[in-house]
Amino acid sequence: MPSQDFSKTIEFYSKLGFKTGALYENEGYLILQRDHVEVHFFRAKDVDPSRSDHGAFVRIDDANDLWNHYKTLNLPLKGIPRVTPAEDKPWGICEFAIVDPDGNLLRVGHILPSS
């Protein structure tokens, strides 16, 4: 995903529990890790966060559990960046959204049990 400023990307994601896995400054590439998840970034100086079309879905065991931890961090719920509350979706997923400072969207969720 694009990043205008690796230091700002690292700062934002570190609040979410990510650590720097690798930083290739000369090549313009950054890898952040949390548990078994890696998020890769490339340097993109001209990205417009309000027009970003980059994103990914991260499947975890319990989105509510992680959301309950994240909501204690007092992260913004609106604007860019933001983290939205977890909720059960009609398509059978409990998910929440993370929008980082560059407008990248991470949806984080788990499959709901069949009813």
PDB file of N, CA and C in Angstrom:
ATOM      1  N   MET A   1       0.845  -1.161   0.000  1.00  0.00           N
ATOM      2  CA  MET A   1       0.000   0.000   0.000  1.00  0.00           C
ATOM      3  C   MET A   1       0.901   1.238   0.000  1.00  0.00           C
ATOM      4  N   PRO A   2       0.389   2.350  -0.477  1.00  0.00           N
ATOM      5  CA  PRO A   2       1.214   3.557  -0.550  1.00  0.00           C
ATOM      6  C   PRO A   2       1.388   4.235   0.811  1.00  0.00           C
ATOM      7  N   SER A   3       2.536   4.869   0.970  1.00  0.00           N
ATOM      8  CA  SER A   3       2.826   5.667   2.156  1.00  0.00           C
ATOM      9  C   SER A   3       3.590   6.914   1.730  1.00  0.00           C
ATOM     10  N   GLN A   4       3.074   8.076   2.125  1.00  0.00           N
ATOM     11  CA  GLN A   4       3.768   9.329   1.836  1.00  0.00           C
ATOM     12  C   GLN A   4       4.997   9.496   2.718  1.00  0.00           C
ATOM     13  N   ASP A   5       4.896   8.995   3.955  1.00  0.00           N
ATOM     14  CA  ASP A   5       5.929   9.230   4.958  1.00  0.00           C
ATOM     15  C   ASP A   5       6.016   7.991   5.857  1.00  0.00           C
ATOM     16  N   PHE A   6       7.082   7.231   5.704  1.00  0.00           N
ATOM     17  CA  PHE A   6       7.210   5.990   6.475  1.00  0.00           C
ATOM     18  C   PHE A   6       7.171   6.232   7.983  1.00  0.00           C
ATOM     19  N   SER A   7       7.730   7.344   8.443  1.00  0.00           N
ATOM     20  CA  SER A   7       7.730   7.588   9.892  1.00  0.00           C
ATOM     21  C   SER A   7       6.302   7.779  10.407  1.00  0.00           C
ATOM     22  N   LYS A   8       5.443   8.458   9.653  1.00  0.00           N
ATOM     23  CA  LYS A   8       4.042   8.625  10.060  1.00  0.00           C
ATOM     24  C   LYS A   8       3.289   7.301   9.992  1.00  0.00           C
ATOM     25  N   THR A   9       3.592   6.492   8.980  1.00  0.00           N
ATOM     26  CA  THR A   9       2.965   5.172   8.860  1.00  0.00           C
ATOM     27  C   THR A   9       3.354   4.298  10.043  1.00  0.00           C
ATOM     28  N   ILE A  10       4.628   4.281  10.376  1.00  0.00           N
ATOM     29  CA  ILE A  10       5.102   3.489  11.514  1.00  0.00           C
ATOM     30  C   ILE A  10       4.449   3.981  12.803  1.00  0.00           C
ATOM     31  N   GLU A  11       4.380   5.276  12.986  1.00  0.00           N
ATOM     32  CA  GLU A  11       3.778   5.838  14.199  1.00  0.00           C
ATOM     33  C   GLU A  11       2.311   5.418  14.336  1.00  0.00           C
ATOM     34  N   PHE A  12       1.537   5.521  13.256  1.00  0.00           N
ATOM     35  CA  PHE A  12       0.118   5.155  13.302  1.00  0.00           C
ATOM     36  C   PHE A  12      -0.047   3.671  13.608  1.00  0.00           C
ATOM     37  N   TYR A  13       0.635   2.824  12.856  1.00  0.00           N
ATOM     38  CA  TYR A  13       0.454   1.383  13.026  1.00  0.00           C
ATOM     39  C   TYR A  13       1.045   0.865  14.332  1.00  0.00           C
ATOM     40  N   SER A  14       2.033   1.545  14.883  1.00  0.00           N
ATOM     41  CA  SER A  14       2.580   1.106  16.175  1.00  0.00           C
ATOM     42  C   SER A  14       1.533   1.232  17.277  1.00  0.00           C
ATOM     43  N   LYS A  15       0.640   2.221  17.166  1.00  0.00           N
ATOM     44  CA  LYS A  15      -0.460   2.348  18.125  1.00  0.00           C
ATOM     45  C   LYS A  15      -1.378   1.132  18.062  1.00  0.00           C
ATOM     46  N   LEU A  16      -1.428   0.485  16.892  1.00  0.00           N
ATOM     47  CA  LEU A  16      -2.272  -0.686  16.687  1.00  0.00           C
ATOM     48  C   LEU A  16      -1.537  -1.994  16.970  1.00  0.00           C
ATOM     49  N   GLY A  17      -0.318  -1.883  17.485  1.00  0.00           N
ATOM     50  CA  GLY A  17       0.436  -3.067  17.875  1.00  0.00           C
ATOM     51  C   GLY A  17       1.372  -3.623  16.819  1.00  0.00           C
ATOM     52  N   PHE A  18       1.571  -2.888  15.715  1.00  0.00           N
ATOM     53  CA  PHE A  18       2.480  -3.348  14.668  1.00  0.00           C
ATOM     54  C   PHE A  18       3.901  -2.902  14.985  1.00  0.00           C
ATOM     55  N   LYS A  19       4.840  -3.725  14.573  1.00  0.00           N
ATOM     56  CA  LYS A  19       6.265  -3.411  14.714  1.00  0.00           C
ATOM     57  C   LYS A  19       6.893  -3.399  13.322  1.00  0.00           C
ATOM     58  N   THR A  20       7.996  -2.681  13.209  1.00  0.00           N
ATOM     59  CA  THR A  20       8.700  -2.640  11.932  1.00  0.00           C
ATOM     60  C   THR A  20       9.397  -3.969  11.707  1.00  0.00           C
ATOM     61  N   GLY A  21       9.000  -4.649  10.633  1.00  0.00           N
ATOM     62  CA  GLY A  21       9.654  -5.905  10.256  1.00  0.00           C
ATOM     63  C   GLY A  21      10.877  -5.631   9.402  1.00  0.00           C
ATOM     64  N   ALA A  22      10.759  -4.658   8.501  1.00  0.00           N
ATOM     65  CA  ALA A  22      11.882  -4.278   7.642  1.00  0.00           C
ATOM     66  C   ALA A  22      11.612  -2.890   7.077  1.00  0.00           C
ATOM     67  N   LEU A  23      12.666  -2.129   6.971  1.00  0.00           N
ATOM     68  CA  LEU A  23      12.587  -0.809   6.348  1.00  0.00           C
ATOM     69  C   LEU A  23      13.732  -0.714   5.349  1.00  0.00           C
ATOM     70  N   TYR A  24      13.382  -0.620   4.089  1.00  0.00           N
ATOM     71  CA  TYR A  24      14.354  -0.474   3.010  1.00  0.00           C
ATOM     72  C   TYR A  24      14.227   0.952   2.490  1.00  0.00           C
ATOM     73  N   GLU A  25      14.862   1.859   3.192  1.00  0.00           N
ATOM     74  CA  GLU A  25      14.723   3.290   2.905  1.00  0.00           C
ATOM     75  C   GLU A  25      15.141   3.617   1.476  1.00  0.00           C
ATOM     76  N   ASN A  26      16.281   3.095   1.026  1.00  0.00           N
ATOM     77  CA  ASN A  26      16.776   3.406  -0.318  1.00  0.00           C
ATOM     78  C   ASN A  26      15.854   2.876  -1.407  1.00  0.00           C
ATOM     79  N   GLU A  27      15.220   1.740  -1.142  1.00  0.00           N
ATOM     80  CA  GLU A  27      14.313   1.136  -2.118  1.00  0.00           C
ATOM     81  C   GLU A  27      12.883   1.658  -1.975  1.00  0.00           C
ATOM     82  N   GLY A  28      12.601   2.384  -0.893  1.00  0.00           N
ATOM     83  CA  GLY A  28      11.270   2.924  -0.676  1.00  0.00           C
ATOM     84  C   GLY A  28      10.254   1.863  -0.306  1.00  0.00           C
ATOM     85  N   TYR A  29      10.630   0.972   0.624  1.00  0.00           N
ATOM     86  CA  TYR A  29       9.742  -0.137   0.977  1.00  0.00           C
ATOM     87  C   TYR A  29       9.767  -0.366   2.480  1.00  0.00           C
ATOM     88  N   LEU A  30       8.581  -0.640   3.041  1.00  0.00           N
ATOM     89  CA  LEU A  30       8.416  -0.824   4.477  1.00  0.00           C
ATOM     90  C   LEU A  30       7.517  -2.029   4.729  1.00  0.00           C
ATOM     91  N   ILE A  31       7.884  -2.847   5.713  1.00  0.00           N
ATOM     92  CA  ILE A  31       7.063  -3.979   6.121  1.00  0.00           C
ATOM     93  C   ILE A  31       6.763  -3.838   7.604  1.00  0.00           C
ATOM     94  N   LEU A  32       5.477  -3.839   7.954  1.00  0.00           N
ATOM     95  CA  LEU A  32       5.047  -3.808   9.349  1.00  0.00           C
ATOM     96  C   LEU A  32       4.412  -5.147   9.695  1.00  0.00           C
ATOM     97  N   GLN A  33       4.595  -5.583  10.947  1.00  0.00           N
ATOM     98  CA  GLN A  33       4.113  -6.897  11.365  1.00  0.00           C
ATOM     99  C   GLN A  33       3.402  -6.824  12.704  1.00  0.00           C
ATOM    100  N   ARG A  34       2.361  -7.642  12.809  1.00  0.00           N
ATOM    101  CA  ARG A  34       1.684  -7.873  14.085  1.00  0.00           C
ATOM    102  C   ARG A  34       1.198  -9.315  14.048  1.00  0.00           C
ATOM    103  N   ASP A  35       1.614 -10.088  15.030  1.00  0.00           N
ATOM    104  CA  ASP A  35       1.277 -11.508  15.076  1.00  0.00           C
ATOM    105  C   ASP A  35       1.652 -12.143  13.731  1.00  0.00           C
ATOM    106  N   HIS A  36       0.683 -12.719  13.023  1.00  0.00           N
ATOM    107  CA  HIS A  36       0.969 -13.377  11.743  1.00  0.00           C
ATOM    108  C   HIS A  36       0.575 -12.520  10.546  1.00  0.00           C
ATOM    109  N   VAL A  37       0.385 -11.223  10.771  1.00  0.00           N
ATOM    110  CA  VAL A  37      -0.034 -10.310   9.707  1.00  0.00           C
ATOM    111  C   VAL A  37       1.143  -9.414   9.322  1.00  0.00           C
ATOM    112  N   GLU A  38       1.353  -9.289   8.024  1.00  0.00           N
ATOM    113  CA  GLU A  38       2.324  -8.343   7.492  1.00  0.00           C
ATOM    114  C   GLU A  38       1.592  -7.375   6.575  1.00  0.00           C
ATOM    115  N   VAL A  39       1.930  -6.107   6.701  1.00  0.00           N
ATOM    116  CA  VAL A  39       1.400  -5.094   5.805  1.00  0.00           C
ATOM    117  C   VAL A  39       2.606  -4.436   5.134  1.00  0.00           C
ATOM    118  N   HIS A  40       2.578  -4.406   3.797  1.00  0.00           N
ATOM    119  CA  HIS A  40       3.701  -3.873   3.026  1.00  0.00           C
ATOM    120  C   HIS A  40       3.329  -2.510   2.451  1.00  0.00           C
ATOM    121  N   PHE A  41       4.300  -1.600   2.462  1.00  0.00           N
ATOM    122  CA  PHE A  41       4.099  -0.232   1.982  1.00  0.00           C
ATOM    123  C   PHE A  41       5.209   0.141   1.013  1.00  0.00           C
ATOM    124  N   PHE A  42       4.847   0.921   0.013  1.00  0.00           N
ATOM    125  CA  PHE A  42       5.829   1.499  -0.890  1.00  0.00           C
ATOM    126  C   PHE A  42       5.736   3.020  -0.775  1.00  0.00           C
ATOM    127  N   ARG A  43       6.849   3.692  -0.988  1.00  0.00           N
ATOM    128  CA  ARG A  43       6.865   5.145  -0.899  1.00  0.00           C
ATOM    129  C   ARG A  43       6.085   5.734  -2.069  1.00  0.00           C
ATOM    130  N   ALA A  44       5.164   6.638  -1.723  1.00  0.00           N
ATOM    131  CA  ALA A  44       4.333   7.288  -2.734  1.00  0.00           C
ATOM    132  C   ALA A  44       4.090   8.725  -2.281  1.00  0.00           C
ATOM    133  N   LYS A  45       4.961   9.601  -2.671  1.00  0.00           N
ATOM    134  CA  LYS A  45       4.925  10.991  -2.192  1.00  0.00           C
ATOM    135  C   LYS A  45       3.662  11.744  -2.594  1.00  0.00           C
ATOM    136  N   ASP A  46       3.048  11.365  -3.713  1.00  0.00           N
ATOM    137  CA  ASP A  46       1.933  12.149  -4.246  1.00  0.00           C
ATOM    138  C   ASP A  46       0.565  11.548  -3.965  1.00  0.00           C
ATOM    139  N   VAL A  47       0.468  10.608  -3.042  1.00  0.00           N
ATOM    140  CA  VAL A  47      -0.824   9.979  -2.764  1.00  0.00           C
ATOM    141  C   VAL A  47      -1.773  10.989  -2.114  1.00  0.00           C
ATOM    142  N   ASP A  48      -3.043  10.951  -2.520  1.00  0.00           N
ATOM    143  CA  ASP A  48      -4.073  11.798  -1.927  1.00  0.00           C
ATOM    144  C   ASP A  48      -4.919  10.896  -1.027  1.00  0.00           C
ATOM    145  N   PRO A  49      -4.786  11.005   0.300  1.00  0.00           N
ATOM    146  CA  PRO A  49      -5.506  10.109   1.207  1.00  0.00           C
ATOM    147  C   PRO A  49      -7.018  10.101   1.002  1.00  0.00           C
ATOM    148  N   SER A  50      -7.591  11.200   0.554  1.00  0.00           N
ATOM    149  CA  SER A  50      -9.038  11.248   0.363  1.00  0.00           C
ATOM    150  C   SER A  50      -9.482  10.513  -0.902  1.00  0.00           C
ATOM    151  N   ARG A  51      -8.534  10.123  -1.752  1.00  0.00           N
ATOM    152  CA  ARG A  51      -8.872   9.440  -3.002  1.00  0.00           C
ATOM    153  C   ARG A  51      -8.232   8.059  -3.109  1.00  0.00           C
ATOM    154  N   SER A  52      -7.694   7.558  -2.007  1.00  0.00           N
ATOM    155  CA  SER A  52      -7.006   6.274  -2.043  1.00  0.00           C
ATOM    156  C   SER A  52      -7.961   5.144  -2.404  1.00  0.00           C
ATOM    157  N   ASP A  53      -7.472   4.216  -3.209  1.00  0.00           N
ATOM    158  CA  ASP A  53      -8.249   3.032  -3.541  1.00  0.00           C
ATOM    159  C   ASP A  53      -7.495   1.755  -3.176  1.00  0.00           C
ATOM    160  N   HIS A  54      -6.617   1.851  -2.184  1.00  0.00           N
ATOM    161  CA  HIS A  54      -5.839   0.708  -1.731  1.00  0.00           C
ATOM    162  C   HIS A  54      -6.439   0.145  -0.452  1.00  0.00           C
ATOM    163  N   GLY A  55      -6.446  -1.174  -0.358  1.00  0.00           N
ATOM    164  CA  GLY A  55      -6.981  -1.786   0.847  1.00  0.00           C
ATOM    165  C   GLY A  55      -6.767  -3.282   0.868  1.00  0.00           C
ATOM    166  N   ALA A  56      -7.114  -3.875   1.999  1.00  0.00           N
ATOM    167  CA  ALA A  56      -6.981  -5.317   2.185  1.00  0.00           C
ATOM    168  C   ALA A  56      -7.933  -5.756   3.286  1.00  0.00           C
ATOM    169  N   PHE A  57      -8.244  -7.037   3.287  1.00  0.00           N
ATOM    170  CA  PHE A  57      -9.041  -7.638   4.360  1.00  0.00           C
ATOM    171  C   PHE A  57      -8.123  -8.550   5.152  1.00  0.00           C
ATOM    172  N   VAL A  58      -8.188  -8.427   6.478  1.00  0.00           N
ATOM    173  CA  VAL A  58      -7.396  -9.277   7.362  1.00  0.00           C
ATOM    174  C   VAL A  58      -8.369 -10.104   8.180  1.00  0.00           C
ATOM    175  N   ARG A  59      -8.341 -11.420   7.995  1.00  0.00           N
ATOM    176  CA  ARG A  59      -9.220 -12.308   8.751  1.00  0.00           C
ATOM    177  C   ARG A  59      -8.527 -12.706  10.050  1.00  0.00           C
ATOM    178  N   ILE A  60      -9.240 -12.502  11.151  1.00  0.00           N
ATOM    179  CA  ILE A  60      -8.727 -12.852  12.470  1.00  0.00           C
ATOM    180  C   ILE A  60      -9.765 -13.723  13.182  1.00  0.00           C
ATOM    181  N   ASP A  61      -9.429 -14.206  14.369  1.00  0.00           N
ATOM    182  CA  ASP A  61     -10.331 -15.085  15.115  1.00  0.00           C
ATOM    183  C   ASP A  61     -11.514 -14.334  15.709  1.00  0.00           C
ATOM    184  N   ASP A  62     -11.284 -13.111  16.216  1.00  0.00           N
ATOM    185  CA  ASP A  62     -12.351 -12.394  16.906  1.00  0.00           C
ATOM    186  C   ASP A  62     -12.185 -10.886  16.730  1.00  0.00           C
ATOM    187  N   ALA A  63     -12.944 -10.318  15.798  1.00  0.00           N
ATOM    188  CA  ALA A  63     -12.858  -8.878  15.527  1.00  0.00           C
ATOM    189  C   ALA A  63     -13.339  -8.061  16.715  1.00  0.00           C
ATOM    190  N   ASN A  64     -14.340  -8.550  17.431  1.00  0.00           N
ATOM    191  CA  ASN A  64     -14.842  -7.811  18.597  1.00  0.00           C
ATOM    192  C   ASN A  64     -13.771  -7.669  19.664  1.00  0.00           C
ATOM    193  N   ASP A  65     -13.025  -8.728  19.894  1.00  0.00           N
ATOM    194  CA  ASP A  65     -11.970  -8.699  20.902  1.00  0.00           C
ATOM    195  C   ASP A  65     -10.911  -7.653  20.547  1.00  0.00           C
ATOM    196  N   LEU A  66     -10.459  -7.656  19.292  1.00  0.00           N
ATOM    197  CA  LEU A  66      -9.443  -6.674  18.883  1.00  0.00           C
ATOM    198  C   LEU A  66     -10.027  -5.263  18.900  1.00  0.00           C
ATOM    199  N   TRP A  67     -11.265  -5.093  18.444  1.00  0.00           N
ATOM    200  CA  TRP A  67     -11.903  -3.776  18.484  1.00  0.00           C
ATOM    201  C   TRP A  67     -12.006  -3.283  19.919  1.00  0.00           C
ATOM    202  N   ASN A  68     -12.367  -4.144  20.867  1.00  0.00           N
ATOM    203  CA  ASN A  68     -12.460  -3.725  22.271  1.00  0.00           C
ATOM    204  C   ASN A  68     -11.122  -3.213  22.790  1.00  0.00           C
ATOM    205  N   HIS A  69     -10.034  -3.791  22.314  1.00  0.00           N
ATOM    206  CA  HIS A  69      -8.709  -3.271  22.687  1.00  0.00           C
ATOM    207  C   HIS A  69      -8.448  -1.931  21.994  1.00  0.00           C
ATOM    208  N   TYR A  70      -8.723  -1.849  20.690  1.00  0.00           N
ATOM    209  CA  TYR A  70      -8.435  -0.627  19.946  1.00  0.00           C
ATOM    210  C   TYR A  70      -9.256   0.563  20.445  1.00  0.00           C
ATOM    211  N   LYS A  71     -10.496   0.330  20.873  1.00  0.00           N
ATOM    212  CA  LYS A  71     -11.305   1.478  21.294  1.00  0.00           C
ATOM    213  C   LYS A  71     -10.770   2.118  22.573  1.00  0.00           C
ATOM    214  N   THR A  72      -9.948   1.420  23.331  1.00  0.00           N
ATOM    215  CA  THR A  72      -9.326   2.013  24.527  1.00  0.00           C
ATOM    216  C   THR A  72      -8.180   2.955  24.165  1.00  0.00           C
ATOM    217  N   LEU A  73      -7.758   2.942  22.909  1.00  0.00           N
ATOM    218  CA  LEU A  73      -6.626   3.765  22.471  1.00  0.00           C
ATOM    219  C   LEU A  73      -7.040   5.180  22.087  1.00  0.00           C
ATOM    220  N   ASN A  74      -8.336   5.468  22.110  1.00  0.00           N
ATOM    221  CA  ASN A  74      -8.853   6.797  21.768  1.00  0.00           C
ATOM    222  C   ASN A  74      -8.415   7.261  20.386  1.00  0.00           C
ATOM    223  N   LEU A  75      -8.474   6.363  19.427  1.00  0.00           N
ATOM    224  CA  LEU A  75      -8.171   6.714  18.041  1.00  0.00           C
ATOM    225  C   LEU A  75      -9.389   7.399  17.427  1.00  0.00           C
ATOM    226  N   PRO A  76      -9.202   8.237  16.420  1.00  0.00           N
ATOM    227  CA  PRO A  76     -10.341   8.918  15.802  1.00  0.00           C
ATOM    228  C   PRO A  76     -11.325   7.922  15.184  1.00  0.00           C
ATOM    229  N   LEU A  77     -12.626   8.244  15.277  1.00  0.00           N
ATOM    230  CA  LEU A  77     -13.674   7.407  14.700  1.00  0.00           C
ATOM    231  C   LEU A  77     -14.159   7.969  13.366  1.00  0.00           C
ATOM    232  N   LYS A  78     -13.740   9.195  13.031  1.00  0.00           N
ATOM    233  CA  LYS A  78     -14.133   9.844  11.783  1.00  0.00           C
ATOM    234  C   LYS A  78     -12.913  10.502  11.162  1.00  0.00           C
ATOM    235  N   GLY A  79     -13.010  10.766   9.874  1.00  0.00           N
ATOM    236  CA  GLY A  79     -11.925  11.444   9.178  1.00  0.00           C
ATOM    237  C   GLY A  79     -10.818  10.484   8.775  1.00  0.00           C
ATOM    238  N   ILE A  80      -9.675  11.043   8.443  1.00  0.00           N
ATOM    239  CA  ILE A  80      -8.493  10.275   8.050  1.00  0.00           C
ATOM    240  C   ILE A  80      -7.348  10.715   8.942  1.00  0.00           C
ATOM    241  N   PRO A  81      -6.778   9.836   9.719  1.00  0.00           N
ATOM    242  CA  PRO A  81      -7.052   8.404   9.869  1.00  0.00           C
ATOM    243  C   PRO A  81      -8.250   8.163  10.793  1.00  0.00           C
ATOM    244  N   ARG A  82      -8.722   6.891  10.816  1.00  0.00           N
ATOM    245  CA  ARG A  82      -9.817   6.519  11.711  1.00  0.00           C
ATOM    246  C   ARG A  82      -9.863   5.010  11.896  1.00  0.00           C
ATOM    247  N   VAL A  83     -10.568   4.609  12.933  1.00  0.00           N
ATOM    248  CA  VAL A  83     -10.884   3.206  13.190  1.00  0.00           C
ATOM    249  C   VAL A  83     -12.368   3.162  13.515  1.00  0.00           C
ATOM    250  N   THR A  84     -13.124   2.336  12.810  1.00  0.00           N
ATOM    251  CA  THR A  84     -14.568   2.271  13.024  1.00  0.00           C
ATOM    252  C   THR A  84     -14.918   1.093  13.928  1.00  0.00           C
ATOM    253  N   PRO A  85     -16.037   1.143  14.633  1.00  0.00           N
ATOM    254  CA  PRO A  85     -16.426   0.045  15.524  1.00  0.00           C
ATOM    255  C   PRO A  85     -16.717  -1.252  14.766  1.00  0.00           C
ATOM    256  N   ALA A  86     -16.479  -2.363  15.444  1.00  0.00           N
ATOM    257  CA  ALA A  86     -16.822  -3.674  14.888  1.00  0.00           C
ATOM    258  C   ALA A  86     -18.335  -3.828  14.868  1.00  0.00           C
ATOM    259  N   GLU A  87     -18.832  -4.458  13.799  1.00  0.00           N
ATOM    260  CA  GLU A  87     -20.254  -4.742  13.718  1.00  0.00           C
ATOM    261  C   GLU A  87     -20.492  -5.945  12.817  1.00  0.00           C
ATOM    262  N   ASP A  88     -21.583  -6.648  13.098  1.00  0.00           N
ATOM    263  CA  ASP A  88     -21.980  -7.785  12.287  1.00  0.00           C
ATOM    264  C   ASP A  88     -22.581  -7.259  10.984  1.00  0.00           C
ATOM    265  N   LYS A  89     -22.064  -7.725   9.871  1.00  0.00           N
ATOM    266  CA  LYS A  89     -22.521  -7.290   8.556  1.00  0.00           C
ATOM    267  C   LYS A  89     -23.505  -8.313   7.981  1.00  0.00           C
ATOM    268  N   PRO A  90     -24.419  -7.864   7.116  1.00  0.00           N
ATOM    269  CA  PRO A  90     -25.405  -8.788   6.552  1.00  0.00           C
ATOM    270  C   PRO A  90     -24.792  -9.892   5.686  1.00  0.00           C
ATOM    271  N   TRP A  91     -23.545  -9.715   5.258  1.00  0.00           N
ATOM    272  CA  TRP A  91     -22.891 -10.726   4.417  1.00  0.00           C
ATOM    273  C   TRP A  91     -22.160 -11.784   5.252  1.00  0.00           C
ATOM    274  N   GLY A  92     -22.412 -11.804   6.581  1.00  0.00           N
ATOM    275  CA  GLY A  92     -21.895 -12.886   7.410  1.00  0.00           C
ATOM    276  C   GLY A  92     -20.514 -12.680   7.989  1.00  0.00           C
ATOM    277  N   ILE A  93     -20.088 -11.441   8.079  1.00  0.00           N
ATOM    278  CA  ILE A  93     -18.768 -11.116   8.638  1.00  0.00           C
ATOM    279  C   ILE A  93     -18.961 -10.100   9.758  1.00  0.00           C
ATOM    280  N   CYS A  94     -18.255 -10.280  10.862  1.00  0.00           N
ATOM    281  CA  CYS A  94     -18.130  -9.233  11.875  1.00  0.00           C
ATOM    282  C   CYS A  94     -16.827  -8.523  11.546  1.00  0.00           C
ATOM    283  N   GLU A  95     -16.908  -7.206  11.301  1.00  0.00           N
ATOM    284  CA  GLU A  95     -15.693  -6.506  10.887  1.00  0.00           C
ATOM    285  C   GLU A  95     -15.669  -5.068  11.381  1.00  0.00           C
ATOM    286  N   PHE A  96     -14.470  -4.523  11.391  1.00  0.00           N
ATOM    287  CA  PHE A  96     -14.269  -3.096  11.603  1.00  0.00           C
ATOM    288  C   PHE A  96     -13.259  -2.613  10.576  1.00  0.00           C
ATOM    289  N   ALA A  97     -13.159  -1.308  10.449  1.00  0.00           N
ATOM    290  CA  ALA A  97     -12.283  -0.729   9.431  1.00  0.00           C
ATOM    291  C   ALA A  97     -11.212   0.142  10.079  1.00  0.00           C
ATOM    292  N   ILE A  98     -10.045   0.084   9.495  1.00  0.00           N
ATOM    293  CA  ILE A  98      -8.929   0.958   9.843  1.00  0.00           C
ATOM    294  C   ILE A  98      -8.591   1.730   8.571  1.00  0.00           C
ATOM    295  N   VAL A  99      -8.595   3.041   8.662  1.00  0.00           N
ATOM    296  CA  VAL A  99      -8.137   3.883   7.559  1.00  0.00           C
ATOM    297  C   VAL A  99      -6.902   4.614   8.070  1.00  0.00           C
ATOM    298  N   ASP A 100      -5.783   4.373   7.422  1.00  0.00           N
ATOM    299  CA  ASP A 100      -4.521   4.951   7.906  1.00  0.00           C
ATOM    300  C   ASP A 100      -4.328   6.370   7.371  1.00  0.00           C
ATOM    301  N   PRO A 101      -3.255   7.052   7.765  1.00  0.00           N
ATOM    302  CA  PRO A 101      -3.050   8.448   7.358  1.00  0.00           C
ATOM    303  C   PRO A 101      -2.986   8.666   5.844  1.00  0.00           C
ATOM    304  N   ASP A 102      -2.694   7.600   5.083  1.00  0.00           N
ATOM    305  CA  ASP A 102      -2.632   7.723   3.627  1.00  0.00           C
ATOM    306  C   ASP A 102      -3.925   7.296   2.952  1.00  0.00           C
ATOM    307  N   GLY A 103      -4.968   7.014   3.745  1.00  0.00           N
ATOM    308  CA  GLY A 103      -6.255   6.632   3.192  1.00  0.00           C
ATOM    309  C   GLY A 103      -6.381   5.159   2.865  1.00  0.00           C
ATOM    310  N   ASN A 104      -5.359   4.362   3.173  1.00  0.00           N
ATOM    311  CA  ASN A 104      -5.435   2.921   2.945  1.00  0.00           C
ATOM    312  C   ASN A 104      -6.468   2.308   3.879  1.00  0.00           C
ATOM    313  N   LEU A 105      -7.271   1.390   3.358  1.00  0.00           N
ATOM    314  CA  LEU A 105      -8.340   0.762   4.123  1.00  0.00           C
ATOM    315  C   LEU A 105      -7.982  -0.676   4.455  1.00  0.00           C
ATOM    316  N   LEU A 106      -7.969  -0.984   5.749  1.00  0.00           N
ATOM    317  CA  LEU A 106      -7.856  -2.371   6.208  1.00  0.00           C
ATOM    318  C   LEU A 106      -9.180  -2.739   6.850  1.00  0.00           C
ATOM    319  N   ARG A 107      -9.844  -3.733   6.308  1.00  0.00           N
ATOM    320  CA  ARG A 107     -11.017  -4.290   6.968  1.00  0.00           C
ATOM    321  C   ARG A 107     -10.519  -5.497   7.749  1.00  0.00           C
ATOM    322  N   VAL A 108     -10.930  -5.565   9.006  1.00  0.00           N
ATOM    323  CA  VAL A 108     -10.482  -6.627   9.907  1.00  0.00           C
ATOM    324  C   VAL A 108     -11.715  -7.346  10.404  1.00  0.00           C
ATOM    325  N   GLY A 109     -11.758  -8.668  10.252  1.00  0.00           N
ATOM    326  CA  GLY A 109     -12.964  -9.341  10.672  1.00  0.00           C
ATOM    327  C   GLY A 109     -12.859 -10.841  10.786  1.00  0.00           C
ATOM    328  N   HIS A 110     -13.985 -11.408  11.215  1.00  0.00           N
ATOM    329  CA  HIS A 110     -14.110 -12.871  11.304  1.00  0.00           C
ATOM    330  C   HIS A 110     -15.465 -13.288  10.732  1.00  0.00           C
ATOM    331  N   ILE A 111     -15.535 -14.522  10.283  1.00  0.00           N
ATOM    332  CA  ILE A 111     -16.776 -15.065   9.741  1.00  0.00           C
ATOM    333  C   ILE A 111     -17.702 -15.365  10.895  1.00  0.00           C
ATOM    334  N   LEU A 112     -18.969 -14.937  10.748  1.00  0.00           N
ATOM    335  CA  LEU A 112     -19.964 -15.192  11.784  1.00  0.00           C
ATOM    336  C   LEU A 112     -20.423 -16.652  11.709  1.00  0.00           C
ATOM    337  N   PRO A 113     -20.730 -17.228  12.866  1.00  0.00           N
ATOM    338  CA  PRO A 113     -21.265 -18.605  12.836  1.00  0.00           C
ATOM    339  C   PRO A 113     -22.598 -18.624  12.079  1.00  0.00           C
ATOM    340  N   SER A 114     -22.868 -19.728  11.401  1.00  0.00           N
ATOM    341  CA  SER A 114     -24.133 -19.867  10.667  1.00  0.00           C
ATOM    342  C   SER A 114     -25.287 -19.871  11.638  1.00  0.00           C
ATOM    343  N   SER A 115     -26.388 -19.245  11.218  1.00  0.00           N
ATOM    344  CA  SER A 115     -27.553 -19.211  12.102  1.00  0.00           C
ATOM    345  C   SER A 115     -28.536 -20.311  11.746  1.00  0.00           C
TER     346      SER A 115
END
